[in-house]
Amino acid sequence: MNEVEVIVQEIEKLFENHPVSKIAKGSNVPDQTVRDLKNGKSDIMKSKFQTVAKLYHYQNSLEKKN
């Protein structure tokens, strides 16, 4: 598995385990962007790097708390 696949997998885990509002607030990504990504309306691979980075870092911060 390459690095990009790992990042996408971590973001998908975030989407599976947390509601849109919590993800948006914690990552500073707009609600609608999170909702579109979570529901498959938008593709993570076509998202802005900044959005992907924020979501990935937020997921990592949640895992470190556990």
Protein backbone atom coordinates (compact mmCIF):
# COMPACT_ATOMS: atom_id res chain seq x y z
CA MET A 1 0.00 0.00 0.00
CA ASN A 2 1.45 3.38 -0.97
CA GLU A 3 1.28 6.60 1.02
CA VAL A 4 -1.68 8.01 -0.88
CA GLU A 5 -3.72 4.87 -0.25
CA VAL A 6 -2.87 5.06 3.46
CA ILE A 7 -4.05 8.69 3.63
CA VAL A 8 -7.31 7.90 1.81
CA GLN A 9 -7.90 4.90 4.07
CA GLU A 10 -7.39 7.03 7.19
CA ILE A 11 -9.84 9.67 5.92
CA GLU A 12 -12.40 6.98 5.11
CA LYS A 13 -12.01 5.66 8.68
CA LEU A 14 -12.67 9.19 9.93
CA PHE A 15 -15.86 9.37 7.85
CA GLU A 16 -17.05 5.97 9.12
CA ASN A 17 -16.59 6.81 12.79
CA HIS A 18 -17.63 10.45 13.18
CA PRO A 19 -20.51 12.73 12.18
CA VAL A 20 -20.04 15.48 9.59
CA SER A 21 -20.41 18.28 12.13
CA LYS A 22 -17.65 16.93 14.38
CA ILE A 23 -15.28 16.36 11.45
CA ALA A 24 -15.94 19.81 10.01
CA LYS A 25 -15.43 21.57 13.33
CA GLY A 26 -12.33 19.60 14.29
CA SER A 27 -10.62 19.83 10.91
CA ASN A 28 -11.68 23.34 9.87
CA VAL A 29 -13.11 21.97 6.62
CA PRO A 30 -16.55 23.33 5.61
CA ASP A 31 -19.55 21.16 6.51
CA GLN A 32 -20.66 20.87 2.89
CA THR A 33 -17.22 19.73 1.74
CA VAL A 34 -17.09 17.06 4.43
CA ARG A 35 -20.65 15.98 3.63
CA ASP A 36 -19.93 15.71 -0.10
CA LEU A 37 -16.79 13.68 0.50
CA LYS A 38 -18.43 11.43 3.08
CA ASN A 39 -21.45 10.75 0.84
CA GLY A 40 -19.34 10.12 -2.25
CA LYS A 41 -20.60 13.17 -4.13
CA SER A 42 -17.00 14.42 -4.28
CA ASP A 43 -13.88 12.30 -4.74
CA ILE A 44 -11.08 12.48 -2.18
CA MET A 45 -8.53 11.95 -4.94
CA LYS A 46 -9.78 15.09 -6.70
CA SER A 47 -9.93 17.25 -3.57
CA LYS A 48 -7.57 20.08 -2.78
CA PHE A 49 -4.40 19.01 -1.03
CA GLN A 50 -5.19 21.40 1.82
CA THR A 51 -8.54 19.69 2.45
CA VAL A 52 -7.01 16.22 2.41
CA ALA A 53 -4.20 17.32 4.72
CA LYS A 54 -6.62 18.84 7.25
CA LEU A 55 -8.78 15.72 7.33
CA TYR A 56 -5.78 13.41 7.61
CA HIS A 57 -4.20 15.42 10.42
CA TYR A 58 -7.50 15.54 12.28
CA GLN A 59 -7.87 11.76 12.04
CA ASN A 60 -4.33 11.33 13.35
CA SER A 61 -5.02 13.67 16.27
CA LEU A 62 -8.09 11.61 17.22
CA GLU A 63 -6.10 8.38 17.15
CA LYS A 64 -3.39 9.84 19.36
CA LYS A 65 -6.01 10.71 21.98
CA ASN A 66 -7.06 7.05 22.20
